Amino acid sequence: MKVLGVIPSRYNSSRFPGKPLIELEGKTMIQRVYEQASSSQLDRVVVATDDERIYNHVKSFGGDAVMTSASHQTGTDRCVEAFEHLGEEYDAVINIQGDEPVIRPGQLDLLAFCFNDDRCEIATLAVKIHENDILFDSSKIKTVLDHNSNAIYFSRHPIPYQQRPADQWLEHHTYFKHVGIYGFRSDILKEVGKLPPSTLEQAESLEQLRWMENGYSIQVKVTEFDSISIDIPKDVDRVLQILQGNN
């Protein structure tokens, strides 16, 4: 099985402009993501960007990069263009978040393994929630699984609701936080790239609901490691603490 890893990366983030090029312990964020991904068993890893500064930087440290359109609304759209631009045959494509510099190679290998099953259309990761602060934080996406570890729904709210005090919810039910890395069977990636936004997606502002609303299944693997994303400047300190602890 041949698997491609694509790291969508854009410069003009609304909450943190220029974050792919911020320095984290001597390396930029995009370099750290690229190197972590390249340490996995993926057959090829490429950065997909619409910014020449990012493209040139990736090339400067010996990375693989392609230029893509500036009009893409989602990272998935950018992955589709990058995949088609390469013109190579892959069984699956993994969309690797460009703002998670401490992502573990094993997480990517776990996703890639899902596609040994021909029935797998889309795959992603989740971790168990142990803290109420995460459970009730609307920026932390929750997912509900069926008995076959397929996603039933994703939400910014805790699901299911319980008829008991909120501080007891974790004692009586296992909740999962979504880890936003996606793998797609190659033909499925091309199909979902053509789907228009859906009503559920627009309500929750979650792209994966577009796929589910159109009948695609999402297999979920539970991981023990919750990768940390840098969404806003204050997130940098959390990542630096991890990096400094690893040195």
C-alpha atoms as a PDB file:
ATOM      1  CA  MET A   1       0.000   0.000   0.000  1.00  0.00           C
ATOM      2  CA  LYS A   2       1.276   3.436  -0.977  1.00  0.00           C
ATOM      3  CA  VAL A   3       0.371   6.453   1.189  1.00  0.00           C
ATOM      4  CA  LEU A   4       0.946  10.163   0.604  1.00  0.00           C
ATOM      5  CA  GLY A   5       1.119  12.717   3.409  1.00  0.00           C
ATOM      6  CA  VAL A   6       0.082  16.295   2.604  1.00  0.00           C
ATOM      7  CA  ILE A   7       0.673  19.206   4.985  1.00  0.00           C
ATOM      8  CA  PRO A   8      -1.578  22.155   4.008  1.00  0.00           C
ATOM      9  CA  SER A   9       0.108  25.386   5.079  1.00  0.00           C
ATOM     10  CA  ARG A  10      -1.010  28.957   4.544  1.00  0.00           C
ATOM     11  CA  TYR A  11       0.574  32.168   5.741  1.00  0.00           C
ATOM     12  CA  ASN A  12      -2.500  34.340   6.306  1.00  0.00           C
ATOM     13  CA  SER A  13      -4.136  32.688   9.296  1.00  0.00           C
ATOM     14  CA  SER A  14      -6.808  35.014  10.690  1.00  0.00           C
ATOM     15  CA  ARG A  15      -5.885  34.310  14.326  1.00  0.00           C
ATOM     16  CA  PHE A  16      -2.116  33.986  13.916  1.00  0.00           C
ATOM     17  CA  PRO A  17      -0.676  35.347  10.642  1.00  0.00           C
ATOM     18  CA  GLY A  18       2.665  33.866   9.631  1.00  0.00           C
ATOM     19  CA  LYS A  19       2.555  31.038  12.166  1.00  0.00           C
ATOM     20  CA  PRO A  20       4.105  28.361   9.848  1.00  0.00           C
ATOM     21  CA  LEU A  21       7.363  30.322   9.978  1.00  0.00           C
ATOM     22  CA  ILE A  22       7.542  31.039  13.707  1.00  0.00           C
ATOM     23  CA  GLU A  23      10.665  29.648  15.378  1.00  0.00           C
ATOM     24  CA  LEU A  24      10.341  26.878  17.946  1.00  0.00           C
ATOM     25  CA  GLU A  25      13.627  25.916  19.593  1.00  0.00           C
ATOM     26  CA  GLY A  26      15.735  26.668  16.509  1.00  0.00           C
ATOM     27  CA  LYS A  27      13.371  25.360  13.829  1.00  0.00           C
ATOM     28  CA  THR A  28      10.243  26.771  12.244  1.00  0.00           C
ATOM     29  CA  MET A  29       6.892  25.186  12.979  1.00  0.00           C
ATOM     30  CA  ILE A  30       6.457  23.916   9.415  1.00  0.00           C
ATOM     31  CA  GLN A  31       9.913  22.327   9.488  1.00  0.00           C
ATOM     32  CA  ARG A  32       9.110  20.512  12.717  1.00  0.00           C
ATOM     33  CA  VAL A  33       5.812  19.215  11.320  1.00  0.00           C
ATOM     34  CA  TYR A  34       7.525  18.117   8.108  1.00  0.00           C
ATOM     35  CA  GLU A  35      10.334  16.315   9.928  1.00  0.00           C
ATOM     36  CA  GLN A  36       7.951  14.534  12.292  1.00  0.00           C
ATOM     37  CA  ALA A  37       5.784  13.417   9.383  1.00  0.00           C
ATOM     38  CA  SER A  38       8.814  12.301   7.395  1.00  0.00           C
ATOM     39  CA  SER A  39       9.851  10.049  10.293  1.00  0.00           C
ATOM     40  CA  SER A  40       6.680   8.004   9.757  1.00  0.00           C
ATOM     41  CA  GLN A  41       6.273   5.153   7.292  1.00  0.00           C
ATOM     42  CA  LEU A  42       4.459   7.308   4.716  1.00  0.00           C
ATOM     43  CA  ASP A  43       5.851   6.929   1.209  1.00  0.00           C
ATOM     44  CA  ARG A  44       6.060  10.670   0.552  1.00  0.00           C
ATOM     45  CA  VAL A  45       5.377  13.856   2.502  1.00  0.00           C
ATOM     46  CA  VAL A  46       4.767  17.193   0.782  1.00  0.00           C
ATOM     47  CA  VAL A  47       3.858  20.682   2.005  1.00  0.00           C
ATOM     48  CA  ALA A  48       0.995  22.266   0.039  1.00  0.00           C
ATOM     49  CA  THR A  49       1.015  26.057   0.295  1.00  0.00           C
ATOM     50  CA  ASP A  50      -0.180  29.181  -1.480  1.00  0.00           C
ATOM     51  CA  ASP A  51       2.665  31.340  -0.177  1.00  0.00           C
ATOM     52  CA  GLU A  52       6.106  31.620  -1.759  1.00  0.00           C
ATOM     53  CA  ARG A  53       7.738  32.371   1.620  1.00  0.00           C
ATOM     54  CA  ILE A  54       6.613  29.012   2.959  1.00  0.00           C
ATOM     55  CA  TYR A  55       7.420  27.215  -0.303  1.00  0.00           C
ATOM     56  CA  ASN A  56      10.948  28.652  -0.450  1.00  0.00           C
ATOM     57  CA  HIS A  57      11.570  27.935   3.226  1.00  0.00           C
ATOM     58  CA  VAL A  58      10.539  24.288   2.895  1.00  0.00           C
ATOM     59  CA  LYS A  59      12.838  23.920  -0.101  1.00  0.00           C
ATOM     60  CA  SER A  60      15.673  25.569   1.855  1.00  0.00           C
ATOM     61  CA  PHE A  61      15.761  22.810   4.486  1.00  0.00           C
ATOM     62  CA  GLY A  62      15.454  20.076   1.854  1.00  0.00           C
ATOM     63  CA  GLY A  63      11.724  19.536   2.136  1.00  0.00           C
ATOM     64  CA  ASP A  64       9.208  18.706  -0.570  1.00  0.00           C
ATOM     65  CA  ALA A  65       6.632  21.370  -1.427  1.00  0.00           C
ATOM     66  CA  VAL A  66       4.072  22.312  -4.081  1.00  0.00           C
ATOM     67  CA  MET A  67       2.328  25.610  -4.768  1.00  0.00           C
ATOM     68  CA  THR A  68      -1.473  25.541  -4.656  1.00  0.00           C
ATOM     69  CA  SER A  69      -4.294  28.027  -5.186  1.00  0.00           C
ATOM     70  CA  ALA A  70      -4.941  30.820  -2.707  1.00  0.00           C
ATOM     71  CA  SER A  71      -8.700  30.378  -3.117  1.00  0.00           C
ATOM     72  CA  HIS A  72      -9.072  27.135  -1.150  1.00  0.00           C
ATOM     73  CA  GLN A  73     -11.460  27.359   1.795  1.00  0.00           C
ATOM     74  CA  THR A  74     -10.275  24.201   3.554  1.00  0.00           C
ATOM     75  CA  GLY A  75      -7.144  22.154   4.035  1.00  0.00           C
ATOM     76  CA  THR A  76      -8.899  19.242   2.342  1.00  0.00           C
ATOM     77  CA  ASP A  77      -9.335  21.299  -0.830  1.00  0.00           C
ATOM     78  CA  ARG A  78      -5.609  22.060  -0.762  1.00  0.00           C
ATOM     79  CA  CYS A  79      -4.826  18.354  -0.311  1.00  0.00           C
ATOM     80  CA  VAL A  80      -6.916  17.481  -3.360  1.00  0.00           C
ATOM     81  CA  GLU A  81      -5.031  19.963  -5.548  1.00  0.00           C
ATOM     82  CA  ALA A  82      -1.634  18.826  -4.254  1.00  0.00           C
ATOM     83  CA  PHE A  83      -2.493  15.167  -4.840  1.00  0.00           C
ATOM     84  CA  GLU A  84      -3.667  15.839  -8.379  1.00  0.00           C
ATOM     85  CA  HIS A  85      -0.690  18.117  -9.067  1.00  0.00           C
ATOM     86  CA  LEU A  86       1.790  15.356  -8.189  1.00  0.00           C
ATOM     87  CA  GLY A  87       0.213  13.032 -10.735  1.00  0.00           C
ATOM     88  CA  GLU A  88       1.300   9.911  -8.835  1.00  0.00           C
ATOM     89  CA  GLU A  89      -0.703   6.863  -7.779  1.00  0.00           C
ATOM     90  CA  TYR A  90      -1.386   6.498  -4.045  1.00  0.00           C
ATOM     91  CA  ASP A  91      -3.834   4.236  -2.251  1.00  0.00           C
ATOM     92  CA  ALA A  92      -4.479   6.781   0.483  1.00  0.00           C
ATOM     93  CA  VAL A  93      -3.742  10.406   1.341  1.00  0.00           C
ATOM     94  CA  ILE A  94      -3.290  11.748   4.868  1.00  0.00           C
ATOM     95  CA  ASN A  95      -4.064  15.378   5.626  1.00  0.00           C
ATOM     96  CA  ILE A  96      -1.493  16.410   8.251  1.00  0.00           C
ATOM     97  CA  GLN A  97      -2.212  19.564  10.231  1.00  0.00           C
ATOM     98  CA  GLY A  98       0.531  22.135   9.626  1.00  0.00           C
ATOM     99  CA  ASP A  99       0.155  23.661  13.083  1.00  0.00           C
ATOM    100  CA  GLU A 100       0.912  20.565  15.188  1.00  0.00           C
ATOM    101  CA  PRO A 101       4.719  20.545  15.565  1.00  0.00           C
ATOM    102  CA  VAL A 102       4.780  17.752  18.152  1.00  0.00           C
ATOM    103  CA  ILE A 103       2.705  15.294  16.150  1.00  0.00           C
ATOM    104  CA  ARG A 104       4.023  11.760  16.549  1.00  0.00           C
ATOM    105  CA  PRO A 105       4.989   9.667  13.510  1.00  0.00           C
ATOM    106  CA  GLY A 106       3.181   6.700  15.038  1.00  0.00           C
ATOM    107  CA  GLN A 107      -0.126   8.549  14.802  1.00  0.00           C
ATOM    108  CA  LEU A 108       0.294   8.838  11.045  1.00  0.00           C
ATOM    109  CA  ASP A 109       1.257   5.175  10.802  1.00  0.00           C
ATOM    110  CA  LEU A 110      -1.892   4.283  12.758  1.00  0.00           C
ATOM    111  CA  LEU A 111      -4.049   6.172  10.268  1.00  0.00           C
ATOM    112  CA  ALA A 112      -2.261   4.655   7.286  1.00  0.00           C
ATOM    113  CA  PHE A 113      -2.868   1.172   8.718  1.00  0.00           C
ATOM    114  CA  CYS A 114      -6.631   1.746   8.530  1.00  0.00           C
ATOM    115  CA  PHE A 115      -6.493   1.590   4.742  1.00  0.00           C
ATOM    116  CA  ASN A 116      -5.357  -2.009   4.738  1.00  0.00           C
ATOM    117  CA  ASP A 117      -9.109  -2.528   5.042  1.00  0.00           C
ATOM    118  CA  ASP A 118     -10.616  -1.786   1.630  1.00  0.00           C
ATOM    119  CA  ARG A 119     -13.871  -0.752   3.297  1.00  0.00           C
ATOM    120  CA  CYS A 120     -12.225   2.208   5.018  1.00  0.00           C
ATOM    121  CA  GLU A 121     -13.206   5.458   3.295  1.00  0.00           C
ATOM    122  CA  ILE A 122     -11.987   8.092   5.759  1.00  0.00           C
ATOM    123  CA  ALA A 123     -10.049   7.651   9.000  1.00  0.00           C
ATOM    124  CA  THR A 124      -9.183   9.939  11.902  1.00  0.00           C
ATOM    125  CA  LEU A 125      -8.018   9.834  15.531  1.00  0.00           C
ATOM    126  CA  ALA A 126      -9.482  10.537  18.967  1.00  0.00           C
ATOM    127  CA  VAL A 127      -8.343  10.520  22.603  1.00  0.00           C
ATOM    128  CA  LYS A 128     -10.306   9.878  25.770  1.00  0.00           C
ATOM    129  CA  ILE A 129     -11.340  12.978  27.696  1.00  0.00           C
ATOM    130  CA  HIS A 130     -10.392  13.053  31.389  1.00  0.00           C
ATOM    131  CA  GLU A 131     -11.033  16.705  32.299  1.00  0.00           C
ATOM    132  CA  ASN A 132     -14.218  18.755  32.450  1.00  0.00           C
ATOM    133  CA  ASP A 133     -12.357  21.789  31.110  1.00  0.00           C
ATOM    134  CA  ILE A 134     -11.851  19.949  27.824  1.00  0.00           C
ATOM    135  CA  LEU A 135     -15.285  18.330  27.792  1.00  0.00           C
ATOM    136  CA  PHE A 136     -17.085  21.678  27.999  1.00  0.00           C
ATOM    137  CA  ASP A 137     -14.671  23.706  25.853  1.00  0.00           C
ATOM    138  CA  SER A 138     -16.398  24.434  22.530  1.00  0.00           C
ATOM    139  CA  SER A 139     -13.033  24.780  20.785  1.00  0.00           C
ATOM    140  CA  LYS A 140     -12.304  21.112  21.588  1.00  0.00           C
ATOM    141  CA  ILE A 141     -14.212  18.913  19.162  1.00  0.00           C
ATOM    142  CA  LYS A 142     -15.927  15.842  20.548  1.00  0.00           C
ATOM    143  CA  THR A 143     -16.874  12.691  18.664  1.00  0.00           C
ATOM    144  CA  VAL A 144     -19.316   9.868  19.348  1.00  0.00           C
ATOM    145  CA  LEU A 145     -18.464   6.338  18.179  1.00  0.00           C
ATOM    146  CA  ASP A 146     -20.505   3.261  17.366  1.00  0.00           C
ATOM    147  CA  HIS A 147     -19.503  -0.270  18.399  1.00  0.00           C
ATOM    148  CA  ASN A 148     -17.376  -0.626  15.249  1.00  0.00           C
ATOM    149  CA  SER A 149     -15.378   2.527  16.068  1.00  0.00           C
ATOM    150  CA  ASN A 150     -17.010   4.528  13.302  1.00  0.00           C
ATOM    151  CA  ALA A 151     -17.973   8.126  14.015  1.00  0.00           C
ATOM    152  CA  ILE A 152     -21.664   8.770  14.600  1.00  0.00           C
ATOM    153  CA  TYR A 153     -21.257  12.537  14.979  1.00  0.00           C
ATOM    154  CA  PHE A 154     -18.801  15.332  15.760  1.00  0.00           C
ATOM    155  CA  SER A 155     -19.756  18.337  17.855  1.00  0.00           C
ATOM    156  CA  ARG A 156     -18.436  21.282  19.800  1.00  0.00           C
ATOM    157  CA  HIS A 157     -20.809  20.246  22.587  1.00  0.00           C
ATOM    158  CA  PRO A 158     -20.545  17.148  24.793  1.00  0.00           C
ATOM    159  CA  ILE A 159     -22.699  14.348  23.417  1.00  0.00           C
ATOM    160  CA  PRO A 160     -24.570  12.565  24.924  1.00  0.00           C
ATOM    161  CA  TYR A 161     -26.289  14.931  27.352  1.00  0.00           C
ATOM    162  CA  GLN A 162     -26.799  13.404  30.803  1.00  0.00           C
ATOM    163  CA  GLN A 163     -29.593  13.941  33.328  1.00  0.00           C
ATOM    164  CA  ARG A 164     -27.148  14.481  36.190  1.00  0.00           C
ATOM    165  CA  PRO A 165     -24.816  17.274  37.381  1.00  0.00           C
ATOM    166  CA  ALA A 166     -22.252  18.173  34.711  1.00  0.00           C
ATOM    167  CA  ASP A 167     -19.305  17.533  37.026  1.00  0.00           C
ATOM    168  CA  GLN A 168     -20.358  13.850  37.147  1.00  0.00           C
ATOM    169  CA  TRP A 169     -20.596  13.234  33.410  1.00  0.00           C
ATOM    170  CA  LEU A 170     -17.092  11.799  33.005  1.00  0.00           C
ATOM    171  CA  GLU A 171     -17.760   9.330  35.817  1.00  0.00           C
ATOM    172  CA  HIS A 172     -20.662   7.745  33.936  1.00  0.00           C
ATOM    173  CA  HIS A 173     -19.710   7.893  30.272  1.00  0.00           C
ATOM    174  CA  THR A 174     -16.545   7.775  28.135  1.00  0.00           C
ATOM    175  CA  TYR A 175     -16.177  10.891  25.992  1.00  0.00           C
ATOM    176  CA  PHE A 176     -13.697  11.314  23.144  1.00  0.00           C
ATOM    177  CA  LYS A 177     -11.894  14.401  21.875  1.00  0.00           C
ATOM    178  CA  HIS A 178     -11.204  14.492  18.158  1.00  0.00           C
ATOM    179  CA  VAL A 179      -7.585  14.727  16.983  1.00  0.00           C
ATOM    180  CA  GLY A 180      -7.847  16.576  13.683  1.00  0.00           C
ATOM    181  CA  ILE A 181      -5.750  14.421  11.357  1.00  0.00           C
ATOM    182  CA  TYR A 182      -7.554  12.761   8.451  1.00  0.00           C
ATOM    183  CA  GLY A 183      -6.753   9.937   6.086  1.00  0.00           C
ATOM    184  CA  PHE A 184      -8.688   9.381   2.866  1.00  0.00           C
ATOM    185  CA  ARG A 185      -8.788   6.579   0.375  1.00  0.00           C
ATOM    186  CA  SER A 186      -7.562   8.328  -2.767  1.00  0.00           C
ATOM    187  CA  ASP A 187     -10.777   8.033  -4.760  1.00  0.00           C
ATOM    188  CA  ILE A 188     -12.803   9.218  -1.766  1.00  0.00           C
ATOM    189  CA  LEU A 189     -10.585  12.305  -1.369  1.00  0.00           C
ATOM    190  CA  LYS A 190     -11.414  13.354  -4.912  1.00  0.00           C
ATOM    191  CA  GLU A 191     -15.121  12.814  -4.280  1.00  0.00           C
ATOM    192  CA  VAL A 192     -15.346  14.773  -1.016  1.00  0.00           C
ATOM    193  CA  GLY A 193     -13.385  17.605  -2.632  1.00  0.00           C
ATOM    194  CA  LYS A 194     -16.362  18.186  -4.918  1.00  0.00           C
ATOM    195  CA  LEU A 195     -19.018  18.333  -2.193  1.00  0.00           C
ATOM    196  CA  PRO A 196     -20.683  21.679  -1.413  1.00  0.00           C
ATOM    197  CA  PRO A 197     -20.894  22.869   2.219  1.00  0.00           C
ATOM    198  CA  SER A 198     -23.665  21.140   4.181  1.00  0.00           C
ATOM    199  CA  THR A 199     -26.140  22.410   6.756  1.00  0.00           C
ATOM    200  CA  LEU A 200     -24.570  20.475   9.644  1.00  0.00           C
ATOM    201  CA  GLU A 201     -21.113  21.690   8.661  1.00  0.00           C
ATOM    202  CA  GLN A 202     -22.288  25.289   8.638  1.00  0.00           C
ATOM    203  CA  ALA A 203     -24.060  24.900  11.987  1.00  0.00           C
ATOM    204  CA  GLU A 204     -21.027  23.486  13.826  1.00  0.00           C
ATOM    205  CA  SER A 205     -18.288  24.884  11.546  1.00  0.00           C
ATOM    206  CA  LEU A 206     -16.880  21.354  11.182  1.00  0.00           C
ATOM    207  CA  GLU A 207     -15.936  20.173   7.707  1.00  0.00           C
ATOM    208  CA  GLN A 208     -16.150  16.468   8.549  1.00  0.00           C
ATOM    209  CA  LEU A 209     -19.913  16.793   8.997  1.00  0.00           C
ATOM    210  CA  ARG A 210     -20.154  17.580   5.272  1.00  0.00           C
ATOM    211  CA  TRP A 211     -18.743  14.154   4.489  1.00  0.00           C
ATOM    212  CA  MET A 212     -20.957  12.336   6.982  1.00  0.00           C
ATOM    213  CA  GLU A 213     -24.067  14.190   5.835  1.00  0.00           C
ATOM    214  CA  ASN A 214     -23.325  12.886   2.347  1.00  0.00           C
ATOM    215  CA  GLY A 215     -23.082   9.292   3.532  1.00  0.00           C
ATOM    216  CA  TYR A 216     -19.332   8.752   3.937  1.00  0.00           C
ATOM    217  CA  SER A 217     -18.141   6.717   6.912  1.00  0.00           C
ATOM    218  CA  ILE A 218     -15.291   7.843   9.165  1.00  0.00           C
ATOM    219  CA  GLN A 219     -13.316   5.196  11.025  1.00  0.00           C
ATOM    220  CA  VAL A 220     -11.864   6.430  14.335  1.00  0.00           C
ATOM    221  CA  LYS A 221      -8.738   5.034  15.975  1.00  0.00           C
ATOM    222  CA  VAL A 222      -8.191   5.857  19.653  1.00  0.00           C
ATOM    223  CA  THR A 223      -4.704   7.116  20.476  1.00  0.00           C
ATOM    224  CA  GLU A 224      -3.117   7.822  23.850  1.00  0.00           C
ATOM    225  CA  PHE A 225      -1.389  10.998  22.638  1.00  0.00           C
ATOM    226  CA  ASP A 226      -3.212  14.279  22.107  1.00  0.00           C
ATOM    227  CA  SER A 227      -1.217  16.376  19.666  1.00  0.00           C
ATOM    228  CA  ILE A 228      -1.197  20.102  20.480  1.00  0.00           C
ATOM    229  CA  SER A 229      -2.035  22.630  17.790  1.00  0.00           C
ATOM    230  CA  ILE A 230      -0.803  26.220  17.690  1.00  0.00           C
ATOM    231  CA  ASP A 231      -3.923  28.234  16.914  1.00  0.00           C
ATOM    232  CA  ILE A 232      -3.101  31.502  18.659  1.00  0.00           C
ATOM    233  CA  PRO A 233       0.156  33.034  19.999  1.00  0.00           C
ATOM    234  CA  LYS A 234      -0.414  31.877  23.586  1.00  0.00           C
ATOM    235  CA  ASP A 235      -0.333  28.234  22.403  1.00  0.00           C
ATOM    236  CA  VAL A 236       3.369  28.621  21.597  1.00  0.00           C
ATOM    237  CA  ASP A 237       4.378  28.424  25.273  1.00  0.00           C
ATOM    238  CA  ARG A 238       2.689  25.026  25.693  1.00  0.00           C
ATOM    239  CA  VAL A 239       4.566  23.601  22.699  1.00  0.00           C
ATOM    240  CA  LEU A 240       7.878  25.092  23.850  1.00  0.00           C
ATOM    241  CA  GLN A 241       7.461  23.387  27.218  1.00  0.00           C
ATOM    242  CA  ILE A 242       7.102  20.033  25.437  1.00  0.00           C
ATOM    243  CA  LEU A 243      10.047  20.652  23.119  1.00  0.00           C
ATOM    244  CA  GLN A 244      12.285  21.805  25.964  1.00  0.00           C
ATOM    245  CA  GLY A 245      11.288  18.752  27.946  1.00  0.00           C
ATOM    246  CA  ASN A 246      12.372  16.518  25.060  1.00  0.00           C
ATOM    247  CA  ASN A 247      15.818  18.156  24.790  1.00  0.00           C
END
